[in-house]
């Protein structure tokens, strides 16, 4: 194993204020289970899980409450003992509504309630590839760093595709967030075991551990944990540049390969990328039989009394996370789920955490301000900032005029919504939001076209 500097630098990118010092030195703290959990059936990319419990049911921690509901889907398990108060639509961190199980964790369980059959620990060295894949799936594991892609699908490339590089994403380039940093410091041994398991599943690919240069302690922890590992393994130190955590840009920064435009995926260039927290969760699921029921979330911002990295059950309400950190010391002007670049402003603290909730930020008026979006001045800053080589100005102006076709022709579907264009715009144009609007419109049109084609096929078999 060796440590090297990244030999590749992608085009574009920006340097926001990172503000990681607020929670950087805060060791992971486990939070007691709150009185009520809001466990969403949509904690991942793809089809929401199918809820299989109803109001009044008693459930045990680890019990299956949502079945996988399609190829791109993930099962959901109860993150605590309790009684189901309701199953209802609840607001998610990105603004969408999804079915959620409202769990009263203070309810006394009936004495005759049967126990949940636990996931048995596996000896990964002797387990088959199929057994390991099944475990990842039944543990409900998905990517914990972003979109939440089902890990069992990612670790099972389609016929004709082979993983040559397993890349561990430890960049954590979003401002304020330090959850992955603390996981690398405090759970390096679990990450090492997770890598060994994933290598076996993927056929022993080379391994690249990507960490930004502003995390020397994490680099040292990984060097120690992987010191005696066999095979082609390197820690790649990335320059500090947002969005280094982007899957496609990390592939380029570590192995110099370029993922083509959608629908191409990393596996098309021989790569699989997983977040370091996901890798540790895979180790726990296999060796300890622990499904993914909790995660580390950074609660930070200049309004928070005691910024922390909190290990909390899935479904923990934002209000309970804030209370665990001592509440606010100043009034928060904005609350963001995630980081300041790709996160979403939220209007309620009744939202429950999910498997992908990496951060919760409370910012005062000193850190945010209201503005009016103005006309594009054609300065070109968004073009220089865009890491996807797009023309964000052209796309935003097209969407502003409801010309979605022009935006589509300008490759808006390639946009990764990193926010670099909006960050650098002197006219304060909401370019990223325009891109999201166009992509949602295009996806809706494509879904309607598929439905119409299926209906026509059914009518004329």
Protein backbone atom coordinates (compact mmCIF):
# COMPACT_ATOMS: atom_id res chain seq x y z
CA UNK A 1 0.00 0.00 0.00
CA UNK A 2 1.28 3.46 -0.84
CA UNK A 3 0.11 7.05 -0.67
CA UNK A 4 0.29 9.20 -3.80
CA UNK A 5 -0.85 12.63 -4.92
CA UNK A 6 -3.56 12.79 -7.55
CA UNK A 7 -1.94 13.16 -10.99
CA UNK A 8 -5.14 14.46 -12.60
CA UNK A 9 -7.11 17.70 -12.14
CA UNK A 10 -10.56 18.09 -13.62
CA UNK A 11 -11.69 21.28 -15.35
CA UNK A 12 -13.71 23.78 -13.35
CA UNK A 13 -14.58 23.62 -9.69
CA UNK A 14 -14.71 26.28 -6.97
CA UNK A 15 -13.34 27.01 -3.50
CA UNK A 16 -16.16 27.76 -1.05
CA UNK A 17 -15.51 28.57 2.60
CA UNK A 18 -15.37 25.12 4.22
CA UNK A 19 -16.15 26.00 7.85
CA UNK A 20 -15.31 22.44 8.90
CA UNK A 21 -13.57 23.59 12.06
CA UNK A 22 -16.94 23.91 13.82
CA UNK A 23 -17.43 20.12 14.13
CA UNK A 24 -14.09 18.72 12.96
CA UNK A 25 -12.78 17.88 16.44
CA UNK A 26 -16.10 16.57 17.74
CA UNK A 27 -15.84 12.79 18.21
CA UNK A 28 -18.87 10.75 17.15
CA UNK A 29 -21.54 10.76 19.87
CA UNK A 30 -24.32 8.18 20.01
CA UNK A 31 -27.73 9.72 20.55
CA UNK A 32 -30.36 7.97 22.65
CA UNK A 33 -33.41 6.81 20.71
CA UNK A 34 -35.97 9.66 20.66
CA UNK A 35 -39.61 9.17 21.65
CA UNK A 36 -40.79 9.30 18.03
CA UNK A 37 -39.18 8.31 14.75
CA UNK A 38 -40.29 9.20 11.22
CA UNK A 39 -38.95 6.31 9.13
CA UNK A 40 -39.33 7.06 5.43
CA UNK A 41 -39.87 4.40 2.78
CA UNK A 42 -37.84 6.56 0.38
CA UNK A 43 -34.32 6.68 1.83
CA UNK A 44 -32.54 5.77 -1.37
CA UNK A 45 -32.40 6.24 -5.13
CA UNK A 46 -35.10 4.39 -7.06
CA UNK A 47 -38.50 3.03 -6.15
CA UNK A 48 -39.62 3.62 -2.54
CA UNK A 49 -39.85 0.52 -0.38
CA UNK A 50 -43.31 -1.05 -0.03
CA UNK A 51 -44.55 -0.54 3.53
CA UNK A 52 -45.67 -3.83 5.12
CA UNK A 53 -46.82 -2.57 8.55
CA UNK A 54 -49.90 -0.62 9.60
CA UNK A 55 -51.02 1.64 12.41
CA UNK A 56 -51.23 -0.24 15.70
CA UNK A 57 -48.57 -2.82 14.83
CA UNK A 58 -45.72 -3.42 17.26
CA UNK A 59 -42.27 -3.80 15.74
CA UNK A 60 -38.83 -4.68 16.98
CA UNK A 61 -35.52 -3.07 16.07
CA UNK A 62 -34.23 -4.60 12.87
CA UNK A 63 -37.64 -5.87 11.76
CA UNK A 64 -38.46 -5.49 8.08
CA UNK A 65 -41.09 -2.76 7.69
CA UNK A 66 -40.55 -1.90 4.02
CA UNK A 67 -39.89 -4.43 1.27
CA UNK A 68 -37.62 -3.72 -1.67
CA UNK A 69 -39.96 -2.62 -4.46
CA UNK A 70 -38.03 -3.03 -7.70
CA UNK A 71 -34.56 -3.64 -9.09
CA UNK A 72 -33.38 -0.17 -8.06
CA UNK A 73 -34.78 -0.13 -4.54
CA UNK A 74 -33.73 -0.89 -0.95
CA UNK A 75 -35.55 -2.50 1.95
CA UNK A 76 -36.24 -0.55 5.15
CA UNK A 77 -36.01 -1.95 8.69
CA UNK A 78 -37.26 -0.51 11.96
CA UNK A 79 -34.49 1.47 13.64
CA UNK A 80 -35.97 0.93 17.13
CA UNK A 81 -38.56 -1.06 19.07
CA UNK A 82 -41.98 0.55 19.20
CA UNK A 83 -45.56 0.81 18.04
CA UNK A 84 -46.63 2.16 14.66
CA UNK A 85 -48.67 5.30 15.34
CA UNK A 86 -49.42 5.92 11.67
CA UNK A 87 -48.31 5.28 8.11
CA UNK A 88 -48.69 8.53 6.21
CA UNK A 89 -47.14 10.85 3.66
CA UNK A 90 -44.39 12.93 5.18
CA UNK A 91 -42.11 15.65 3.84
CA UNK A 92 -38.59 14.60 2.92
CA UNK A 93 -35.37 16.66 2.99
CA UNK A 94 -35.52 17.41 -0.75
CA UNK A 95 -39.10 18.64 -0.59
CA UNK A 96 -40.88 15.53 -1.87
CA UNK A 97 -43.55 13.55 -0.06
CA UNK A 98 -43.18 9.83 0.68
CA UNK A 99 -44.80 7.17 2.84
CA UNK A 100 -43.31 7.09 6.32
CA UNK A 101 -43.82 4.92 9.39
CA UNK A 102 -44.38 7.06 12.49
CA UNK A 103 -42.96 4.98 15.31
CA UNK A 104 -43.70 5.52 19.02
CA UNK A 105 -40.58 4.18 20.71
CA UNK A 106 -41.98 4.66 24.23
CA UNK A 107 -44.72 2.06 23.77
CA UNK A 108 -44.37 -1.11 25.84
CA UNK A 109 -44.11 -4.19 23.64
CA UNK A 110 -46.53 -7.10 24.29
CA UNK A 111 -44.91 -9.98 26.12
CA UNK A 112 -46.05 -12.41 23.45
CA UNK A 113 -44.54 -10.39 20.58
CA UNK A 114 -42.30 -12.82 18.68
CA UNK A 115 -38.62 -11.88 18.40
CA UNK A 116 -37.11 -10.77 15.11
CA UNK A 117 -34.86 -13.35 13.53
CA UNK A 118 -31.50 -11.55 13.46
CA UNK A 119 -29.10 -11.49 10.56
CA UNK A 120 -26.46 -14.02 11.46
CA UNK A 121 -22.81 -12.93 11.31
CA UNK A 122 -21.00 -14.28 8.26
CA UNK A 123 -17.42 -15.47 7.96
CA UNK A 124 -16.70 -13.39 4.88
CA UNK A 125 -13.47 -15.22 4.11
CA UNK A 126 -15.39 -18.45 3.59
CA UNK A 127 -18.77 -17.06 2.45
CA UNK A 128 -19.62 -17.15 -1.24
CA UNK A 129 -19.95 -14.05 -3.37
CA UNK A 130 -23.70 -14.66 -3.61
CA UNK A 131 -24.04 -14.89 0.19
CA UNK A 132 -22.21 -11.61 0.64
CA UNK A 133 -24.34 -9.84 -1.98
CA UNK A 134 -27.51 -11.16 -0.37
CA UNK A 135 -26.37 -9.85 2.99
CA UNK A 136 -25.73 -6.35 1.61
CA UNK A 137 -29.23 -6.38 0.11
CA UNK A 138 -31.10 -7.71 3.15
CA UNK A 139 -29.24 -5.26 5.41
CA UNK A 140 -30.78 -2.40 3.42
CA UNK A 141 -27.48 -0.78 2.49
CA UNK A 142 -27.30 2.04 -0.03
CA UNK A 143 -24.76 4.75 -0.78
CA UNK A 144 -24.54 7.04 2.26
CA UNK A 145 -22.72 9.92 0.64
CA UNK A 146 -25.22 11.26 -1.88
CA UNK A 147 -27.97 9.82 -4.03
CA UNK A 148 -28.31 6.54 -2.10
CA UNK A 149 -27.79 4.08 -4.97
CA UNK A 150 -28.52 0.49 -3.82
CA UNK A 151 -25.15 -1.07 -2.91
CA UNK A 152 -26.15 -4.63 -3.82
CA UNK A 153 -26.83 -3.46 -7.38
CA UNK A 154 -23.60 -1.48 -7.60
CA UNK A 155 -21.58 -4.46 -6.35
CA UNK A 156 -23.10 -6.79 -8.95
CA UNK A 157 -22.00 -5.51 -12.38
CA UNK A 158 -24.07 -6.67 -15.37
CA UNK A 159 -22.74 -9.36 -17.72
CA UNK A 160 -19.84 -8.12 -19.78
CA UNK A 161 -18.82 -5.49 -17.23
CA UNK A 162 -15.91 -5.90 -14.83
CA UNK A 163 -14.76 -3.78 -11.92
CA UNK A 164 -11.06 -2.95 -12.28
CA UNK A 165 -10.95 -0.22 -9.61
CA UNK A 166 -12.82 0.00 -6.33
CA UNK A 167 -12.70 3.66 -5.28
CA UNK A 168 -13.45 4.73 -1.70
CA UNK A 169 -14.90 8.21 -1.54
CA UNK A 170 -13.45 9.95 1.50
CA UNK A 171 -13.25 13.42 -0.06
CA UNK A 172 -16.20 14.96 1.84
CA UNK A 173 -15.79 18.24 -0.05
CA UNK A 174 -19.11 19.80 1.08
CA UNK A 175 -18.66 22.76 3.45
CA UNK A 176 -19.34 22.16 7.16
CA UNK A 177 -19.66 18.35 6.89
CA UNK A 178 -17.25 16.21 8.91
CA UNK A 179 -19.16 12.95 9.40
CA UNK A 180 -17.04 10.96 6.93
CA UNK A 181 -13.88 12.52 8.36
CA UNK A 182 -14.78 11.23 11.83
CA UNK A 183 -15.73 7.80 10.47
CA UNK A 184 -12.28 7.53 8.85
CA UNK A 185 -10.62 8.53 12.11
CA UNK A 186 -12.70 6.38 14.44
CA UNK A 187 -13.76 3.42 12.30
CA UNK A 188 -10.77 2.87 10.05
CA UNK A 189 -10.69 -0.84 10.97
CA UNK A 190 -14.29 -1.29 9.80
CA UNK A 191 -13.48 0.45 6.52
CA UNK A 192 -10.54 -1.92 6.03
CA UNK A 193 -12.79 -4.96 6.60
CA UNK A 194 -15.45 -3.54 4.30
CA UNK A 195 -12.88 -3.14 1.55
CA UNK A 196 -11.79 -6.77 1.92
CA UNK A 197 -15.42 -7.91 1.64
CA UNK A 198 -16.12 -5.73 -1.38
CA UNK A 199 -12.94 -6.87 -3.13
CA UNK A 200 -14.10 -10.45 -2.76
CA UNK A 201 -17.52 -9.63 -4.19
CA UNK A 202 -16.04 -7.68 -7.11
CA UNK A 203 -13.32 -10.13 -8.05
CA UNK A 204 -10.27 -8.53 -6.36
CA UNK A 205 -10.01 -5.18 -8.17
CA UNK A 206 -7.37 -2.57 -7.42
CA UNK A 207 -8.34 -0.15 -4.63
CA UNK A 208 -8.02 3.62 -4.54
CA UNK A 209 -8.87 5.55 -1.34
CA UNK A 210 -9.60 9.17 -2.29
CA UNK A 211 -9.15 11.81 0.44
CA UNK A 212 -8.76 15.57 0.09
CA UNK A 213 -5.47 17.08 1.25
CA UNK A 214 -7.18 19.08 4.02
CA UNK A 215 -7.74 15.87 6.01
CA UNK A 216 -4.20 14.76 6.98
CA UNK A 217 -5.45 12.97 10.12
CA UNK A 218 -7.80 10.84 8.01
CA UNK A 219 -4.99 10.05 5.59
CA UNK A 220 -2.82 8.90 8.50
CA UNK A 221 -5.62 6.76 9.93
CA UNK A 222 -6.16 5.05 6.58
CA UNK A 223 -2.43 4.50 6.13
CA UNK A 224 -2.29 2.74 9.49
CA UNK A 225 -5.40 0.62 8.86
CA UNK A 226 -4.29 -0.49 5.39
CA UNK A 227 -0.54 -0.77 6.06
CA UNK A 228 -0.35 -4.55 5.62
CA UNK A 229 -3.08 -5.05 3.01
CA UNK A 230 -2.08 -7.10 0.00
CA UNK A 231 -2.61 -6.21 -3.63
CA UNK A 232 -2.84 -3.00 -5.61
CA UNK A 233 -4.03 -0.48 -3.01
CA UNK A 234 -3.27 3.24 -2.93
CA UNK A 235 -4.39 6.25 -0.95
CA UNK A 236 -4.81 9.10 -3.44
CA UNK A 237 -4.50 12.58 -1.93
CA UNK A 238 -6.73 14.98 -3.85
CA UNK A 239 -6.22 18.74 -4.12
CA UNK A 240 -8.81 20.76 -2.18
CA UNK A 241 -11.31 21.64 -4.90
CA UNK A 242 -15.08 21.36 -4.89
CA UNK A 243 -16.68 19.03 -6.16
CA UNK A 244 -13.93 16.45 -5.55
CA UNK A 245 -16.55 14.16 -3.99
CA UNK A 246 -18.46 13.84 -7.25
CA UNK A 247 -18.32 10.24 -8.42
CA UNK A 248 -17.30 11.03 -11.99
CA UNK A 249 -14.64 13.55 -11.00
CA UNK A 250 -13.21 11.27 -8.37
CA UNK A 251 -12.82 8.55 -10.98
CA UNK A 252 -10.87 10.97 -13.16
CA UNK A 253 -8.81 12.30 -10.24
CA UNK A 254 -7.77 8.83 -9.08
CA UNK A 255 -7.41 6.70 -12.22
CA UNK A 256 -7.70 9.18 -15.09
CA UNK A 257 -10.79 7.62 -16.66
CA UNK A 258 -13.71 9.63 -18.04
CA UNK A 259 -17.29 8.42 -17.60
CA UNK A 260 -19.29 9.24 -20.76
CA UNK A 261 -22.57 11.15 -20.67
CA UNK A 262 -25.72 9.51 -19.22
CA UNK A 263 -26.88 6.81 -19.32
CA UNK A 264 -23.26 5.67 -18.93
CA UNK A 265 -22.24 4.60 -15.41
CA UNK A 266 -18.87 4.24 -13.62
CA UNK A 267 -18.88 0.50 -14.27
CA UNK A 268 -18.74 1.31 -18.00
CA UNK A 269 -15.15 2.47 -17.40
CA UNK A 270 -14.39 -0.36 -14.97
CA UNK A 271 -14.98 1.53 -11.71
CA UNK A 272 -17.16 1.18 -8.61
CA UNK A 273 -17.26 4.08 -6.15
CA UNK A 274 -18.56 3.79 -2.58
CA UNK A 275 -18.64 6.24 0.30
CA UNK A 276 -16.42 5.35 3.28
CA UNK A 277 -19.45 5.23 5.60
CA UNK A 278 -21.14 2.74 3.29
CA UNK A 279 -18.02 0.57 3.31
CA UNK A 280 -18.01 0.49 7.12
CA UNK A 281 -21.74 -0.37 7.11
CA UNK A 282 -21.07 -3.32 4.80
CA UNK A 283 -18.46 -4.63 7.24
CA UNK A 284 -20.94 -4.41 10.13
CA UNK A 285 -23.70 -6.08 8.13
CA UNK A 286 -21.49 -9.02 7.18
CA UNK A 287 -19.35 -9.58 10.28
CA UNK A 288 -21.85 -8.50 12.94
CA UNK A 289 -25.21 -9.09 11.27
CA UNK A 290 -26.16 -5.42 11.78
CA UNK A 291 -28.52 -3.92 9.20
CA UNK A 292 -28.18 -0.25 8.30
CA UNK A 293 -30.36 1.36 11.00
CA UNK A 294 -28.31 4.41 11.97
CA UNK A 295 -25.71 6.77 10.58
CA UNK A 296 -23.41 9.64 11.56
CA UNK A 297 -24.78 13.09 10.75
CA UNK A 298 -22.93 16.38 11.18
CA UNK A 299 -25.07 18.96 12.98
CA UNK A 300 -23.29 22.27 12.48
CA UNK A 301 -23.53 25.92 11.54
CA UNK A 302 -22.86 29.17 13.35
CA UNK A 303 -26.31 29.07 15.00
CA UNK A 304 -25.77 25.70 16.73
CA UNK A 305 -24.78 25.78 20.40
CA UNK A 306 -22.59 22.66 20.24
CA UNK A 307 -21.81 21.41 16.72
CA UNK A 308 -21.43 17.62 16.76
CA UNK A 309 -21.14 14.47 14.70
CA UNK A 310 -24.11 12.46 15.88
CA UNK A 311 -24.77 8.74 15.49
CA UNK A 312 -28.58 8.61 15.44
CA UNK A 313 -31.28 6.09 14.41
CA UNK A 314 -32.79 6.52 10.95
CA UNK A 315 -35.97 8.53 11.29
CA UNK A 316 -34.65 10.85 14.02
CA UNK A 317 -36.43 14.18 13.61
CA UNK A 318 -34.31 17.21 12.90
CA UNK A 319 -35.71 18.86 16.02
CA UNK A 320 -34.34 16.03 18.17
CA UNK A 321 -30.92 16.26 16.51
CA UNK A 322 -30.82 19.96 17.25
CA UNK A 323 -31.88 19.44 20.86
CA UNK A 324 -29.08 16.87 21.32
CA UNK A 325 -26.63 19.57 20.24
CA UNK A 326 -27.92 22.08 22.79
CA UNK A 327 -30.30 23.92 20.48
CA UNK A 328 -29.38 27.21 18.86
CA UNK A 329 -27.33 29.99 20.45
CA UNK A 330 -28.62 32.48 17.88
CA UNK A 331 -31.70 32.55 15.66
CA UNK A 332 -31.25 30.47 12.52
CA UNK A 333 -32.12 32.29 9.31
CA UNK A 334 -31.81 29.12 7.23
CA UNK A 335 -31.81 25.38 7.91
CA UNK A 336 -30.16 23.13 5.32
CA UNK A 337 -30.36 19.36 5.03
CA UNK A 338 -26.97 18.31 3.66
CA UNK A 339 -24.17 20.70 2.78
CA UNK A 340 -24.40 24.32 1.64
CA UNK A 341 -23.58 23.50 -1.99
CA UNK A 342 -25.91 20.57 -2.78
CA UNK A 343 -28.17 20.50 0.27
CA UNK A 344 -31.79 21.63 0.46
CA UNK A 345 -33.24 24.38 2.61
CA UNK A 346 -36.02 22.97 4.77
CA UNK A 347 -39.00 24.68 6.38
CA UNK A 348 -39.77 22.08 9.03
CA UNK A 349 -37.81 20.27 11.75
CA UNK A 350 -40.31 17.38 11.76
CA UNK A 351 -38.44 15.74 8.88
CA UNK A 352 -36.77 12.43 9.77
CA UNK A 353 -33.19 11.52 8.95
CA UNK A 354 -32.53 8.89 6.29
CA UNK A 355 -29.62 6.69 5.28
CA UNK A 356 -28.26 9.59 3.21
CA UNK A 357 -28.58 12.43 5.76
CA UNK A 358 -24.96 13.54 5.97
CA UNK A 359 -25.54 16.92 7.56
CA UNK A 360 -27.98 19.35 9.13
CA UNK A 361 -26.93 23.00 9.17
CA UNK A 362 -28.34 25.97 11.07
CA UNK A 363 -27.06 29.29 9.73
CA UNK A 364 -27.56 32.80 11.09
CA UNK A 365 -28.16 35.91 9.01
CA UNK A 366 -24.42 36.54 9.09
CA UNK A 367 -23.98 33.51 6.81
CA UNK A 368 -26.99 33.94 4.50
CA UNK A 369 -28.67 36.85 2.78
CA UNK A 370 -31.66 37.49 0.57
CA UNK A 371 -31.08 38.52 -3.01
CA UNK A 372 -32.86 39.14 -6.27
CA UNK A 373 -31.85 37.13 -9.31
CA UNK A 374 -30.91 39.36 -12.22
CA UNK A 375 -30.35 38.99 -15.94
CA UNK A 376 -27.28 37.09 -17.12
CA UNK A 377 -24.38 39.46 -17.88
CA UNK A 378 -22.52 36.89 -20.02
CA UNK A 379 -19.39 37.04 -17.86
CA UNK A 380 -18.57 33.38 -18.34
CA UNK A 381 -17.88 32.59 -14.69
CA UNK A 382 -20.39 29.72 -14.67
CA UNK A 383 -18.69 28.17 -17.71
CA UNK A 384 -15.31 28.30 -15.99
CA UNK A 385 -16.76 26.82 -12.79
CA UNK A 386 -18.77 23.99 -14.33
CA UNK A 387 -16.92 20.68 -13.87
CA UNK A 388 -19.09 19.01 -16.53
CA UNK A 389 -18.02 21.33 -19.41
CA UNK A 390 -21.57 22.62 -19.83
CA UNK A 391 -22.81 26.11 -20.67
CA UNK A 392 -24.90 26.85 -17.57
CA UNK A 393 -25.75 30.37 -18.78
CA UNK A 394 -27.33 29.04 -21.98
CA UNK A 395 -29.24 26.38 -20.06
CA UNK A 396 -30.57 28.79 -17.44
CA UNK A 397 -31.74 31.32 -20.02
CA UNK A 398 -33.49 28.58 -22.00
CA UNK A 399 -35.31 27.25 -18.93
CA UNK A 400 -36.20 30.79 -17.87
CA UNK A 401 -37.98 31.04 -21.23
CA UNK A 402 -39.63 27.61 -20.79
CA UNK A 403 -37.55 26.30 -23.69
CA UNK A 404 -36.78 22.88 -22.24
CA UNK A 405 -35.82 21.49 -25.65
CA UNK A 406 -32.90 23.91 -25.94
CA UNK A 407 -31.78 23.02 -22.42
CA UNK A 408 -31.93 19.33 -23.30
CA UNK A 409 -29.90 19.93 -26.46
CA UNK A 410 -27.35 21.74 -24.26
CA UNK A 411 -26.92 18.46 -22.29
CA UNK A 412 -28.66 19.57 -19.11
CA UNK A 413 -29.16 15.91 -18.17
CA UNK A 414 -25.39 15.72 -17.70
CA UNK A 415 -25.55 18.32 -14.91
CA UNK A 416 -24.61 16.89 -11.49
CA UNK A 417 -26.30 19.77 -9.62
CA UNK A 418 -23.12 20.59 -7.72
CA UNK A 419 -23.99 24.27 -7.48
CA UNK A 420 -20.60 25.55 -8.68
CA UNK A 421 -22.26 27.70 -11.36
CA UNK A 422 -24.65 29.39 -8.92
CA UNK A 423 -21.81 29.88 -6.42
CA UNK A 424 -19.81 31.99 -8.84
CA UNK A 425 -22.61 33.94 -10.53
CA UNK A 426 -22.33 37.71 -9.86
CA UNK A 427 -25.96 38.18 -10.98
CA UNK A 428 -27.15 35.73 -8.30
CA UNK A 429 -28.96 33.62 -10.89
CA UNK A 430 -30.42 30.38 -9.56
CA UNK A 431 -28.75 28.36 -12.29
CA UNK A 432 -28.71 25.04 -10.41
CA UNK A 433 -32.44 25.31 -9.72
CA UNK A 434 -33.07 25.99 -13.42
CA UNK A 435 -31.14 22.82 -14.25
CA UNK A 436 -33.17 20.81 -11.73
CA UNK A 437 -36.39 22.18 -13.18
CA UNK A 438 -35.37 21.20 -16.71
CA UNK A 439 -34.28 17.71 -15.65
CA UNK A 440 -37.55 17.10 -13.79
CA UNK A 441 -39.51 18.22 -16.86
CA UNK A 442 -37.51 15.95 -19.15
CA UNK A 443 -37.90 12.97 -16.81
CA UNK A 444 -41.65 13.55 -16.60
CA UNK A 445 -41.88 13.65 -20.39
CA UNK A 446 -39.85 10.46 -20.74
CA UNK A 447 -42.01 8.70 -18.15
CA UNK A 448 -45.16 9.75 -20.00
CA UNK A 449 -43.68 8.49 -23.28
CA UNK A 450 -42.85 5.13 -21.70
CA UNK A 451 -46.34 4.83 -20.24
CA UNK A 452 -47.91 5.68 -23.60
CA UNK A 453 -45.72 3.10 -25.36
CA UNK A 454 -46.66 0.42 -22.82
CA UNK A 455 -50.35 1.27 -23.17
CA UNK A 456 -50.12 1.07 -26.97
CA UNK A 457 -48.33 -2.27 -26.73
CA UNK A 458 -50.99 -3.62 -24.38
CA UNK A 459 -53.77 -2.44 -26.70
CA UNK A 460 -52.08 -4.01 -29.73
CA UNK A 461 -50.29 -7.15 -28.50
